[in-house]
Amino acid sequence: MFSEEDFAPKKSSDSVTQDNNQATSQLNDNWDDCEGYYNIKVGDMVDNNRYTVKSLLGQGVYSNVVKAQD
């Protein structure tokens, strides 16, 4: 902070990350897409198996809208 020399961190290729958000059924964390939306699928059971997703109606800025059956 009070050094005579400027500090510049070394940039290396090790610090570069890749987008690993691919549809891999073996991963536990592929529940959302690259935009952060939940990957809803027709037939999914939601809210402790209370609702069954019947169709995807649309996406908004902050949410997905689905048609579900109780």
Protein backbone atom coordinates (compact mmCIF):
# COMPACT_ATOMS: atom_id res chain seq x y z
CA MET A 1 0.00 0.00 0.00
CA PHE A 2 2.80 2.43 0.87
CA SER A 3 5.49 0.79 -1.26
CA GLU A 4 7.83 2.66 -3.57
CA GLU A 5 7.18 0.12 -6.28
CA ASP A 6 3.93 -0.59 -8.05
CA PHE A 7 2.56 -4.06 -7.50
CA ALA A 8 1.21 -5.87 -10.53
CA PRO A 9 0.07 -9.48 -10.09
CA LYS A 10 1.51 -11.97 -12.53
CA LYS A 11 -0.98 -13.11 -15.12
CA SER A 12 -0.74 -16.74 -16.04
CA SER A 13 -2.85 -19.13 -18.04
CA ASP A 14 -3.54 -21.06 -14.82
CA SER A 15 -5.88 -18.31 -13.63
CA VAL A 16 -8.07 -18.55 -16.74
CA THR A 17 -11.25 -20.48 -16.11
CA GLN A 18 -13.52 -22.16 -18.60
CA ASP A 19 -17.29 -22.39 -18.70
CA ASN A 20 -17.99 -25.86 -17.33
CA ASN A 21 -21.76 -25.50 -17.43
CA GLN A 22 -22.41 -28.37 -19.79
CA ALA A 23 -25.33 -30.75 -19.67
CA THR A 24 -23.73 -33.66 -17.85
CA SER A 25 -26.10 -35.90 -16.00
CA GLN A 26 -23.32 -37.17 -13.73
CA LEU A 27 -22.74 -33.73 -12.19
CA ASN A 28 -24.69 -32.63 -9.14
CA ASP A 29 -24.45 -28.95 -10.03
CA ASN A 30 -25.92 -28.80 -13.54
CA TRP A 31 -29.31 -27.64 -12.26
CA ASP A 32 -29.04 -24.24 -13.98
CA ASP A 33 -28.11 -22.98 -17.43
CA CYS A 34 -25.40 -20.45 -18.34
CA GLU A 35 -27.81 -17.56 -17.59
CA GLY A 36 -28.64 -18.91 -14.13
CA TYR A 37 -32.12 -20.22 -14.93
CA TYR A 38 -33.16 -23.53 -13.41
CA ASN A 39 -33.16 -26.25 -16.09
CA ILE A 40 -36.81 -27.17 -15.82
CA LYS A 41 -37.89 -30.29 -17.66
CA VAL A 42 -41.40 -31.51 -18.38
CA GLY A 43 -42.18 -34.20 -15.84
CA ASP A 44 -40.02 -32.71 -13.07
CA MET A 45 -41.47 -32.92 -9.57
CA VAL A 46 -41.21 -29.64 -7.65
CA ASP A 47 -41.82 -28.54 -4.04
CA ASN A 48 -41.30 -31.86 -2.29
CA ASN A 49 -42.98 -33.81 -5.11
CA ARG A 50 -46.18 -31.78 -4.80
CA TYR A 51 -46.23 -30.32 -8.34
CA THR A 52 -45.55 -32.01 -11.68
CA VAL A 53 -44.28 -29.71 -14.44
CA LYS A 54 -46.46 -30.00 -17.54
CA SER A 55 -44.93 -27.30 -19.80
CA LEU A 56 -42.65 -24.28 -19.89
CA LEU A 57 -44.68 -21.12 -20.57
CA GLY A 58 -41.85 -18.58 -20.69
CA GLN A 59 -38.91 -16.85 -19.09
CA GLY A 60 -38.73 -13.40 -17.59
CA VAL A 61 -35.91 -11.31 -16.26
CA TYR A 62 -35.96 -12.98 -12.84
CA SER A 63 -37.87 -16.23 -13.26
CA ASN A 64 -39.21 -19.12 -15.31
CA VAL A 65 -42.94 -19.61 -15.72
CA VAL A 66 -44.19 -23.18 -15.93
CA LYS A 67 -47.52 -24.92 -16.07
CA ALA A 68 -47.74 -27.48 -13.28
CA GLN A 69 -50.30 -29.90 -11.89
CA ASP A 70 -50.94 -30.28 -8.16
